[in-house]
Amino acid sequence: LKLNSLGDSSCMPQYRDGLVSFLDEHHDEICEDCVRRK
């Protein structure tokens, strides 16, 4: 059994911003699907 919490509208926006910044830093390393998902 794998378990995680995805947060809610209070904490997800802050996390999303941090993840997008990480993806921007590695834009040339991620696949086309991930570029679209970003």
All heavy atoms as atom14 arrays in JSON, in Angstrom:
{
  "sequence": "LKLNSLGDSSCMPQYRDGLVSFLDEHHDEICEDCVRRK",
  "atom14_mask": [
    [1, 1, 1, 1, 1, 1, 1, 1, 0, 0, 0, 0, 0, 0],
    [1, 1, 1, 1, 1, 1, 1, 1, 1, 0, 0, 0, 0, 0],
    [1, 1, 1, 1, 1, 1, 1, 1, 0, 0, 0, 0, 0, 0],
    [1, 1, 1, 1, 1, 1, 1, 1, 0, 0, 0, 0, 0, 0],
    [1, 1, 1, 1, 1, 1, 0, 0, 0, 0, 0, 0, 0, 0],
    [1, 1, 1, 1, 1, 1, 1, 1, 0, 0, 0, 0, 0, 0],
    [1, 1, 1, 1, 0, 0, 0, 0, 0, 0, 0, 0, 0, 0],
    [1, 1, 1, 1, 1, 1, 1, 1, 0, 0, 0, 0, 0, 0],
    [1, 1, 1, 1, 1, 1, 0, 0, 0, 0, 0, 0, 0, 0],
    [1, 1, 1, 1, 1, 1, 0, 0, 0, 0, 0, 0, 0, 0],
    [1, 1, 1, 1, 1, 1, 0, 0, 0, 0, 0, 0, 0, 0],
    [1, 1, 1, 1, 1, 1, 1, 1, 0, 0, 0, 0, 0, 0],
    [1, 1, 1, 1, 1, 1, 1, 0, 0, 0, 0, 0, 0, 0],
    [1, 1, 1, 1, 1, 1, 1, 1, 1, 0, 0, 0, 0, 0],
    [1, 1, 1, 1, 1, 1, 1, 1, 1, 1, 1, 1, 0, 0],
    [1, 1, 1, 1, 1, 1, 1, 1, 1, 1, 1, 0, 0, 0],
    [1, 1, 1, 1, 1, 1, 1, 1, 0, 0, 0, 0, 0, 0],
    [1, 1, 1, 1, 0, 0, 0, 0, 0, 0, 0, 0, 0, 0],
    [1, 1, 1, 1, 1, 1, 1, 1, 0, 0, 0, 0, 0, 0],
    [1, 1, 1, 1, 1, 1, 1, 0, 0, 0, 0, 0, 0, 0],
    [1, 1, 1, 1, 1, 1, 0, 0, 0, 0, 0, 0, 0, 0],
    [1, 1, 1, 1, 1, 1, 1, 1, 1, 1, 1, 0, 0, 0],
    [1, 1, 1, 1, 1, 1, 1, 1, 0, 0, 0, 0, 0, 0],
    [1, 1, 1, 1, 1, 1, 1, 1, 0, 0, 0, 0, 0, 0],
    [1, 1, 1, 1, 1, 1, 1, 1, 1, 0, 0, 0, 0, 0],
    [1, 1, 1, 1, 1, 1, 1, 1, 1, 1, 0, 0, 0, 0],
    [1, 1, 1, 1, 1, 1, 1, 1, 1, 1, 0, 0, 0, 0],
    [1, 1, 1, 1, 1, 1, 1, 1, 0, 0, 0, 0, 0, 0],
    [1, 1, 1, 1, 1, 1, 1, 1, 1, 0, 0, 0, 0, 0],
    [1, 1, 1, 1, 1, 1, 1, 1, 0, 0, 0, 0, 0, 0],
    [1, 1, 1, 1, 1, 1, 0, 0, 0, 0, 0, 0, 0, 0],
    [1, 1, 1, 1, 1, 1, 1, 1, 1, 0, 0, 0, 0, 0],
    [1, 1, 1, 1, 1, 1, 1, 1, 0, 0, 0, 0, 0, 0],
    [1, 1, 1, 1, 1, 1, 0, 0, 0, 0, 0, 0, 0, 0],
    [1, 1, 1, 1, 1, 1, 1, 0, 0, 0, 0, 0, 0, 0],
    [1, 1, 1, 1, 1, 1, 1, 1, 1, 1, 1, 0, 0, 0],
    [1, 1, 1, 1, 1, 1, 1, 1, 1, 1, 1, 0, 0, 0],
    [1, 1, 1, 1, 1, 1, 1, 1, 1, 0, 0, 0, 0, 0]
  ],
  "atom14_positions": [
    [[0.84, -1.19, 0.0], [0.0, 0.0, 0.0], [0.88, 1.24, 0.0], [1.73, 1.41, 0.87], [-0.92, -0.01, 1.23], [-1.66, 1.3, 1.54], [-2.58, 1.7, 0.38], [-2.46, 1.16, 2.84], [0.0, 0.0, 0.0], [0.0, 0.0, 0.0], [0.0, 0.0, 0.0], [0.0, 0.0, 0.0], [0.0, 0.0, 0.0], [0.0, 0.0, 0.0]],
    [[0.66, 2.11, -1.01], [1.35, 3.39, -1.08], [0.39, 4.49, -0.68], [-0.79, 4.46, -1.06], [1.88, 3.64, -2.49], [2.95, 2.66, -2.95], [3.47, 3.02, -4.33], [4.58, 2.09, -4.76], [5.13, 2.49, -6.09], [0.0, 0.0, 0.0], [0.0, 0.0, 0.0], [0.0, 0.0, 0.0], [0.0, 0.0, 0.0], [0.0, 0.0, 0.0]],
    [[0.91, 5.47, 0.04], [0.05, 6.49, 0.64], [0.69, 7.86, 0.45], [1.91, 8.01, 0.52], [-0.1, 6.19, 2.14], [-1.25, 6.78, 2.92], [-2.58, 6.27, 2.38], [-1.1, 6.41, 4.4], [0.0, 0.0, 0.0], [0.0, 0.0, 0.0], [0.0, 0.0, 0.0], [0.0, 0.0, 0.0], [0.0, 0.0, 0.0], [0.0, 0.0, 0.0]],
    [[-0.15, 8.88, 0.21], [0.35, 10.24, 0.11], [-0.79, 11.2, 0.43], [-1.96, 10.81, 0.46], [0.89, 10.53, -1.3], [1.76, 11.78, -1.35], [2.24, 12.25, -0.32], [1.96, 12.32, -2.54], [0.0, 0.0, 0.0], [0.0, 0.0, 0.0], [0.0, 0.0, 0.0], [0.0, 0.0, 0.0], [0.0, 0.0, 0.0], [0.0, 0.0, 0.0]],
    [[-0.45, 12.45, 0.68], [-1.45, 13.5, 0.81], [-1.19, 14.54, -0.27], [-0.04, 14.97, -0.47], [-1.4, 14.16, 2.18], [-2.31, 15.25, 2.24], [0.0, 0.0, 0.0], [0.0, 0.0, 0.0], [0.0, 0.0, 0.0], [0.0, 0.0, 0.0], [0.0, 0.0, 0.0], [0.0, 0.0, 0.0], [0.0, 0.0, 0.0], [0.0, 0.0, 0.0]],
    [[-2.25, 14.94, -0.97], [-2.13, 15.92, -2.04], [-2.46, 17.33, -1.57], [-2.48, 18.26, -2.37], [-3.07, 15.54, -3.2], [-2.91, 14.13, -3.75], [-3.87, 13.89, -4.91], [-1.47, 13.87, -4.19], [0.0, 0.0, 0.0], [0.0, 0.0, 0.0], [0.0, 0.0, 0.0], [0.0, 0.0, 0.0], [0.0, 0.0, 0.0], [0.0, 0.0, 0.0]],
    [[-2.75, 17.49, -0.27], [-3.07, 18.8, 0.24], [-4.43, 19.29, -0.23], [-5.21, 18.55, -0.84], [0.0, 0.0, 0.0], [0.0, 0.0, 0.0], [0.0, 0.0, 0.0], [0.0, 0.0, 0.0], [0.0, 0.0, 0.0], [0.0, 0.0, 0.0], [0.0, 0.0, 0.0], [0.0, 0.0, 0.0], [0.0, 0.0, 0.0], [0.0, 0.0, 0.0]],
    [[-4.75, 20.54, 0.04], [-6.02, 21.12, -0.39], [-5.79, 22.51, -0.95], [-4.65, 22.9, -1.23], [-7.03, 21.13, 0.77], [-6.56, 21.97, 1.95], [-5.58, 22.74, 1.8], [-7.18, 21.87, 3.03], [0.0, 0.0, 0.0], [0.0, 0.0, 0.0], [0.0, 0.0, 0.0], [0.0, 0.0, 0.0], [0.0, 0.0, 0.0], [0.0, 0.0, 0.0]],
    [[-6.85, 23.28, -1.1], [-6.73, 24.61, -1.72], [-5.91, 25.58, -0.87], [-5.5, 26.64, -1.35], [-8.12, 25.19, -1.97], [-8.88, 25.25, -0.76], [0.0, 0.0, 0.0], [0.0, 0.0, 0.0], [0.0, 0.0, 0.0], [0.0, 0.0, 0.0], [0.0, 0.0, 0.0], [0.0, 0.0, 0.0], [0.0, 0.0, 0.0], [0.0, 0.0, 0.0]],
    [[-5.66, 25.23, 0.4], [-4.87, 26.1, 1.27], [-3.37, 25.92, 1.05], [-2.61, 26.89, 1.09], [-5.19, 25.83, 2.75], [-6.54, 26.11, 3.03], [0.0, 0.0, 0.0], [0.0, 0.0, 0.0], [0.0, 0.0, 0.0], [0.0, 0.0, 0.0], [0.0, 0.0, 0.0], [0.0, 0.0, 0.0], [0.0, 0.0, 0.0], [0.0, 0.0, 0.0]],
    [[-2.96, 24.68, 0.81], [-1.52, 24.42, 0.71], [-1.04, 24.04, -0.69], [0.16, 24.14, -0.98], [-1.11, 23.32, 1.7], [-2.18, 21.86, 1.73], [0.0, 0.0, 0.0], [0.0, 0.0, 0.0], [0.0, 0.0, 0.0], [0.0, 0.0, 0.0], [0.0, 0.0, 0.0], [0.0, 0.0, 0.0], [0.0, 0.0, 0.0], [0.0, 0.0, 0.0]],
    [[-1.96, 23.62, -1.57], [-1.55, 23.21, -2.9], [-0.95, 24.35, -3.74], [0.07, 24.16, -4.41], [-2.72, 22.58, -3.65], [-2.44, 22.23, -5.1], [-1.03, 21.11, -5.32], [-1.81, 19.57, -4.85], [0.0, 0.0, 0.0], [0.0, 0.0, 0.0], [0.0, 0.0, 0.0], [0.0, 0.0, 0.0], [0.0, 0.0, 0.0], [0.0, 0.0, 0.0]],
    [[-1.53, 25.58, -3.73], [-0.96, 26.64, -4.58], [0.51, 26.93, -4.29], [1.3, 27.12, -5.22], [-1.86, 27.85, -4.26], [-3.16, 27.25, -3.85], [-2.79, 26.01, -3.08], [0.0, 0.0, 0.0], [0.0, 0.0, 0.0], [0.0, 0.0, 0.0], [0.0, 0.0, 0.0], [0.0, 0.0, 0.0], [0.0, 0.0, 0.0], [0.0, 0.0, 0.0]],
    [[0.87, 26.98, -3.01], [2.25, 27.24, -2.65], [3.17, 26.14, -3.17], [4.25, 26.41, -3.71], [2.39, 27.37, -1.14], [3.81, 27.6, -0.65], [3.91, 27.63, 0.87], [2.91, 27.65, 1.56], [5.14, 27.65, 1.37], [0.0, 0.0, 0.0], [0.0, 0.0, 0.0], [0.0, 0.0, 0.0], [0.0, 0.0, 0.0], [0.0, 0.0, 0.0]],
    [[2.72, 24.89, -3.03], [3.53, 23.78, -3.52], [3.65, 23.83, -5.04], [4.73, 23.62, -5.6], [2.94, 22.44, -3.1], [3.65, 21.29, -3.77], [4.92, 20.91, -3.36], [3.07, 20.62, -4.85], [5.61, 19.89, -4.0], [3.75, 19.6, -5.49], [5.02, 19.23, -5.06], [5.69, 18.23, -5.7], [0.0, 0.0, 0.0], [0.0, 0.0, 0.0]],
    [[2.54, 24.13, -5.7], [2.55, 24.17, -7.16], [3.56, 25.21, -7.66], [4.29, 24.96, -8.62], [1.15, 24.48, -7.69], [1.05, 24.43, -9.22], [-0.32, 24.83, -9.73], [-1.32, 23.85, -9.37], [-2.32, 24.06, -8.51], [-2.41, 25.24, -7.9], [-3.2, 23.13, -8.26], [0.0, 0.0, 0.0], [0.0, 0.0, 0.0], [0.0, 0.0, 0.0]],
    [[3.58, 26.35, -7.02], [4.53, 27.4, -7.43], [5.97, 26.91, -7.29], [6.82, 27.15, -8.17], [4.33, 28.66, -6.57], [3.01, 29.36, -6.88], [2.42, 29.07, -7.94], [2.58, 30.18, -6.04], [0.0, 0.0, 0.0], [0.0, 0.0, 0.0], [0.0, 0.0, 0.0], [0.0, 0.0, 0.0], [0.0, 0.0, 0.0], [0.0, 0.0, 0.0]],
    [[6.26, 26.21, -6.18], [7.61, 25.7, -5.97], [7.97, 24.64, -6.99], [9.12, 24.58, -7.48], [0.0, 0.0, 0.0], [0.0, 0.0, 0.0], [0.0, 0.0, 0.0], [0.0, 0.0, 0.0], [0.0, 0.0, 0.0], [0.0, 0.0, 0.0], [0.0, 0.0, 0.0], [0.0, 0.0, 0.0], [0.0, 0.0, 0.0], [0.0, 0.0, 0.0]],
    [[6.99, 23.77, -7.34], [7.25, 22.73, -8.33], [7.48, 23.33, -9.71], [8.39, 22.89, -10.45], [6.07, 21.75, -8.36], [6.18, 20.6, -9.36], [7.4, 19.72, -9.04], [4.9, 19.74, -9.33], [0.0, 0.0, 0.0], [0.0, 0.0, 0.0], [0.0, 0.0, 0.0], [0.0, 0.0, 0.0], [0.0, 0.0, 0.0], [0.0, 0.0, 0.0]],
    [[6.69, 24.33, -10.08], [6.86, 24.96, -11.39], [8.24, 25.62, -11.49], [8.9, 25.54, -12.54], [5.74, 26.0, -11.63], [6.07, 26.86, -12.87], [4.41, 25.31, -11.82], [0.0, 0.0, 0.0], [0.0, 0.0, 0.0], [0.0, 0.0, 0.0], [0.0, 0.0, 0.0], [0.0, 0.0, 0.0], [0.0, 0.0, 0.0], [0.0, 0.0, 0.0]],
    [[8.7, 26.23, -10.41], [10.03, 26.82, -10.41], [11.09, 25.75, -10.64], [12.05, 25.96, -11.41], [10.3, 27.54, -9.08], [9.43, 28.64, -8.91], [0.0, 0.0, 0.0], [0.0, 0.0, 0.0], [0.0, 0.0, 0.0], [0.0, 0.0, 0.0], [0.0, 0.0, 0.0], [0.0, 0.0, 0.0], [0.0, 0.0, 0.0], [0.0, 0.0, 0.0]],
    [[10.93, 24.61, -10.01], [11.86, 23.5, -10.21], [11.83, 23.04, -11.66], [12.89, 22.79, -12.27], [11.48, 22.35, -9.27], [12.29, 21.09, -9.47], [13.51, 20.92, -8.83], [11.82, 20.07, -10.3], [14.26, 19.77, -9.02], [12.56, 18.91, -10.49], [13.78, 18.76, -9.85], [0.0, 0.0, 0.0], [0.0, 0.0, 0.0], [0.0, 0.0, 0.0]],
    [[10.65, 22.92, -12.24], [10.52, 22.47, -13.63], [11.12, 23.49, -14.6], [11.71, 23.11, -15.62], [9.05, 22.21, -13.96], [8.38, 21.07, -13.18], [6.88, 21.04, -13.48], [9.01, 19.73, -13.53], [0.0, 0.0, 0.0], [0.0, 0.0, 0.0], [0.0, 0.0, 0.0], [0.0, 0.0, 0.0], [0.0, 0.0, 0.0], [0.0, 0.0, 0.0]],
    [[10.95, 24.76, -14.28], [11.54, 25.8, -15.13], [13.07, 25.67, -15.14], [13.72, 25.85, -16.18], [11.14, 27.19, -14.63], [9.69, 27.53, -14.97], [9.14, 26.89, -15.88], [9.13, 28.42, -14.31], [0.0, 0.0, 0.0], [0.0, 0.0, 0.0], [0.0, 0.0, 0.0], [0.0, 0.0, 0.0], [0.0, 0.0, 0.0], [0.0, 0.0, 0.0]],
    [[13.64, 25.37, -13.99], [15.09, 25.22, -13.9], [15.6, 24.03, -14.73], [16.74, 24.04, -15.19], [15.5, 25.03, -12.44], [15.28, 26.25, -11.56], [15.61, 25.96, -10.1], [16.17, 24.86, -9.84], [15.29, 26.79, -9.24], [0.0, 0.0, 0.0], [0.0, 0.0, 0.0], [0.0, 0.0, 0.0], [0.0, 0.0, 0.0], [0.0, 0.0, 0.0]],
    [[14.74, 23.04, -14.9], [15.15, 21.81, -15.61], [14.34, 21.63, -16.9], [14.12, 20.5, -17.34], [14.96, 20.6, -14.69], [15.77, 20.66, -13.43], [17.08, 20.24, -13.37], [15.45, 21.12, -12.19], [17.54, 20.42, -12.14], [16.57, 20.95, -11.4], [0.0, 0.0, 0.0], [0.0, 0.0, 0.0], [0.0, 0.0, 0.0], [0.0, 0.0, 0.0]],
    [[13.92, 22.72, -17.48], [13.03, 22.67, -18.64], [13.59, 21.79, -19.76], [12.85, 21.02, -20.39], [12.78, 24.08, -19.17], [11.88, 24.11, -20.37], [10.5, 24.08, -20.27], [12.17, 24.16, -21.71], [9.97, 24.11, -21.47], [10.96, 24.17, -22.37], [0.0, 0.0, 0.0], [0.0, 0.0, 0.0], [0.0, 0.0, 0.0], [0.0, 0.0, 0.0]],
    [[14.88, 21.86, -20.02], [15.49, 21.12, -21.13], [15.68, 19.64, -20.82], [16.04, 18.86, -21.7], [16.83, 21.74, -21.51], [16.69, 23.15, -22.06], [15.59, 23.46, -22.57], [17.66, 23.92, -21.96], [0.0, 0.0, 0.0], [0.0, 0.0, 0.0], [0.0, 0.0, 0.0], [0.0, 0.0, 0.0], [0.0, 0.0, 0.0], [0.0, 0.0, 0.0]],
    [[15.43, 19.24, -19.56], [15.66, 17.85, -19.16], [14.38, 17.02, -19.07], [14.44, 15.8, -18.98], [16.37, 17.82, -17.79], [17.7, 18.55, -17.77], [18.25, 18.66, -16.36], [18.51, 17.6, -15.75], [18.42, 19.79, -15.86], [0.0, 0.0, 0.0], [0.0, 0.0, 0.0], [0.0, 0.0, 0.0], [0.0, 0.0, 0.0], [0.0, 0.0, 0.0]],
    [[13.24, 17.69, -19.09], [11.98, 16.96, -18.93], [11.39, 16.61, -20.3], [11.7, 17.26, -21.31], [10.96, 17.75, -18.09], [10.61, 19.09, -18.76], [11.52, 17.99, -16.69], [9.58, 19.9, -17.98], [0.0, 0.0, 0.0], [0.0, 0.0, 0.0], [0.0, 0.0, 0.0], [0.0, 0.0, 0.0], [0.0, 0.0, 0.0], [0.0, 0.0, 0.0]],
    [[10.56, 15.57, -20.32], [9.97, 15.09, -21.58], [8.88, 16.04, -22.08], [8.43, 16.94, -21.35], [9.41, 13.68, -21.4], [7.95, 13.59, -20.34], [0.0, 0.0, 0.0], [0.0, 0.0, 0.0], [0.0, 0.0, 0.0], [0.0, 0.0, 0.0], [0.0, 0.0, 0.0], [0.0, 0.0, 0.0], [0.0, 0.0, 0.0], [0.0, 0.0, 0.0]],
    [[8.43, 15.83, -23.31], [7.41, 16.7, -23.9], [6.11, 16.66, -23.12], [5.43, 17.69, -22.96], [7.16, 16.29, -25.36], [8.33, 16.58, -26.29], [8.0, 16.25, -27.74], [6.82, 15.91, -28.01], [8.91, 16.31, -28.58], [0.0, 0.0, 0.0], [0.0, 0.0, 0.0], [0.0, 0.0, 0.0], [0.0, 0.0, 0.0], [0.0, 0.0, 0.0]],
    [[5.72, 15.47, -22.64], [4.49, 15.37, -21.85], [4.57, 16.22, -20.6], [3.6, 16.87, -20.19], [4.2, 13.91, -21.47], [3.57, 13.13, -22.62], [3.01, 13.78, -23.53], [3.62, 11.89, -22.6], [0.0, 0.0, 0.0], [0.0, 0.0, 0.0], [0.0, 0.0, 0.0], [0.0, 0.0, 0.0], [0.0, 0.0, 0.0], [0.0, 0.0, 0.0]],
    [[5.74, 16.23, -19.95], [5.89, 17.01, -18.72], [5.9, 18.51, -19.01], [5.44, 19.31, -18.19], [7.14, 16.58, -17.97], [6.95, 14.99, -17.11], [0.0, 0.0, 0.0], [0.0, 0.0, 0.0], [0.0, 0.0, 0.0], [0.0, 0.0, 0.0], [0.0, 0.0, 0.0], [0.0, 0.0, 0.0], [0.0, 0.0, 0.0], [0.0, 0.0, 0.0]],
    [[6.44, 18.89, -20.16], [6.37, 20.3, -20.56], [4.92, 20.72, -20.7], [4.52, 21.81, -20.24], [7.13, 20.52, -21.89], [6.87, 21.94, -22.41], [8.63, 20.3, -21.7], [0.0, 0.0, 0.0], [0.0, 0.0, 0.0], [0.0, 0.0, 0.0], [0.0, 0.0, 0.0], [0.0, 0.0, 0.0], [0.0, 0.0, 0.0], [0.0, 0.0, 0.0]],
    [[4.11, 19.85, -21.31], [2.68, 20.16, -21.47], [2.0, 20.19, -20.11], [1.2, 21.1, -19.82], [2.04, 19.1, -22.37], [0.52, 19.21, -22.49], [-0.04, 18.15, -23.45], [0.34, 16.8, -23.06], [-0.32, 16.1, -22.13], [-1.36, 16.63, -21.5], [0.06, 14.87, -21.85], [0.0, 0.0, 0.0], [0.0, 0.0, 0.0], [0.0, 0.0, 0.0]],
    [[2.3, 19.21, -19.26], [1.65, 19.16, -17.94], [2.01, 20.37, -17.08], [1.22, 20.83, -16.27], [2.06, 17.87, -17.23], [1.46, 16.62, -17.83], [2.15, 15.37, -17.32], [1.61, 14.15, -17.89], [2.28, 13.02, -18.03], [3.56, 12.97, -17.64], [1.72, 11.96, -18.54], [0.0, 0.0, 0.0], [0.0, 0.0, 0.0], [0.0, 0.0, 0.0]],
    [[3.23, 20.87, -17.24], [3.67, 22.02, -16.45], [2.73, 23.21, -16.65], [2.48, 23.98, -15.72], [5.09, 22.41, -16.83], [5.67, 23.53, -15.97], [7.05, 23.96, -16.44], [6.98, 24.75, -17.72], [8.25, 25.43, -18.07], [0.0, 0.0, 0.0], [0.0, 0.0, 0.0], [0.0, 0.0, 0.0], [0.0, 0.0, 0.0], [0.0, 0.0, 0.0]]
  ]
}
